[in-house]
């Protein structure tokens, strides 16, 4: 089976992934960071269904509501 159960359970009718309701701001940030890292590390498909070459030296971060990619350990 190639369906992504994460997308099926937490997406709207257009197929876009949405954060679960009832989360705090910090929980939403962690939700998007975790999802972004799975995509960045080649563990989850991009919106077009393709997978990125894993970039294990990078990770998503959030500061003051702004998301960015940085090297791990810096």
Protein backbone atom coordinates (compact mmCIF):
# COMPACT_ATOMS: atom_id res chain seq x y z
CA UNK A 1 0.00 0.00 0.00
CA UNK A 2 1.44 3.37 -0.99
CA UNK A 3 -1.16 5.62 0.66
CA UNK A 4 0.19 7.92 3.33
CA UNK A 5 -2.17 7.47 6.32
CA UNK A 6 -0.87 10.71 7.82
CA UNK A 7 -2.11 12.68 4.83
CA UNK A 8 -5.40 10.82 4.69
CA UNK A 9 -6.24 11.45 8.34
CA UNK A 10 -5.10 15.07 8.55
CA UNK A 11 -5.93 16.67 5.23
CA UNK A 12 -8.80 18.74 3.95
CA UNK A 13 -10.82 17.93 0.82
CA UNK A 14 -8.09 19.40 -1.43
CA UNK A 15 -5.48 16.99 -0.03
CA UNK A 16 -3.57 19.73 1.81
CA UNK A 17 -2.17 18.75 5.18
CA UNK A 18 -3.60 20.73 8.09
CA UNK A 19 -2.55 20.81 11.73
CA UNK A 20 -5.00 19.08 14.08
CA UNK A 21 -7.43 21.38 15.87
CA UNK A 22 -6.96 22.27 19.50
CA UNK A 23 -3.18 22.59 19.41
CA UNK A 24 -1.30 25.37 21.18
CA UNK A 25 1.04 27.62 19.20
CA UNK A 26 4.07 25.62 20.38
CA UNK A 27 2.40 22.32 19.43
CA UNK A 28 1.56 23.65 15.93
CA UNK A 29 5.16 24.79 15.45
CA UNK A 30 6.43 21.34 16.44
CA UNK A 31 3.87 19.69 14.13
CA UNK A 32 5.11 21.67 11.10
CA UNK A 33 8.78 21.30 12.03
CA UNK A 34 8.40 17.52 12.36
CA UNK A 35 6.57 17.30 9.03
CA UNK A 36 9.12 19.53 7.30
CA UNK A 37 11.97 17.42 8.63
CA UNK A 38 10.35 14.20 7.40
CA UNK A 39 10.13 15.72 3.91
CA UNK A 40 13.65 17.21 4.09
CA UNK A 41 15.08 13.87 5.22
CA UNK A 42 13.32 11.93 2.42
CA UNK A 43 10.92 10.11 4.76
CA UNK A 44 7.70 11.65 3.41
CA UNK A 45 6.77 12.70 -0.14
CA UNK A 46 6.63 16.31 -1.29
CA UNK A 47 3.35 17.80 -2.48
CA UNK A 48 3.97 16.45 -6.00
CA UNK A 49 4.54 12.92 -4.66
CA UNK A 50 8.30 12.87 -5.20
CA UNK A 51 10.85 12.34 -2.45
CA UNK A 52 13.82 14.62 -1.77
CA UNK A 53 17.34 13.28 -1.55
CA UNK A 54 17.84 13.00 2.24
CA UNK A 55 19.58 16.03 3.75
CA UNK A 56 20.37 14.70 7.23
CA UNK A 57 22.71 17.62 7.97
CA UNK A 58 19.79 20.10 7.83
CA UNK A 59 16.65 20.61 9.90
CA UNK A 60 13.68 22.94 10.08
CA UNK A 61 13.52 25.45 12.94
CA UNK A 62 11.16 28.19 14.05
CA UNK A 63 12.02 31.47 15.75
CA UNK A 64 9.48 34.20 16.47
CA UNK A 65 6.96 32.55 14.13
CA UNK A 66 9.39 32.35 11.20
CA UNK A 67 10.35 28.93 9.83
CA UNK A 68 13.79 28.33 8.32
CA UNK A 69 16.23 25.56 7.49
CA UNK A 70 19.56 25.42 9.35
CA UNK A 71 22.47 23.04 9.74
CA UNK A 72 22.08 20.63 12.64
CA UNK A 73 24.29 21.57 15.56
CA UNK A 74 24.68 25.22 14.64
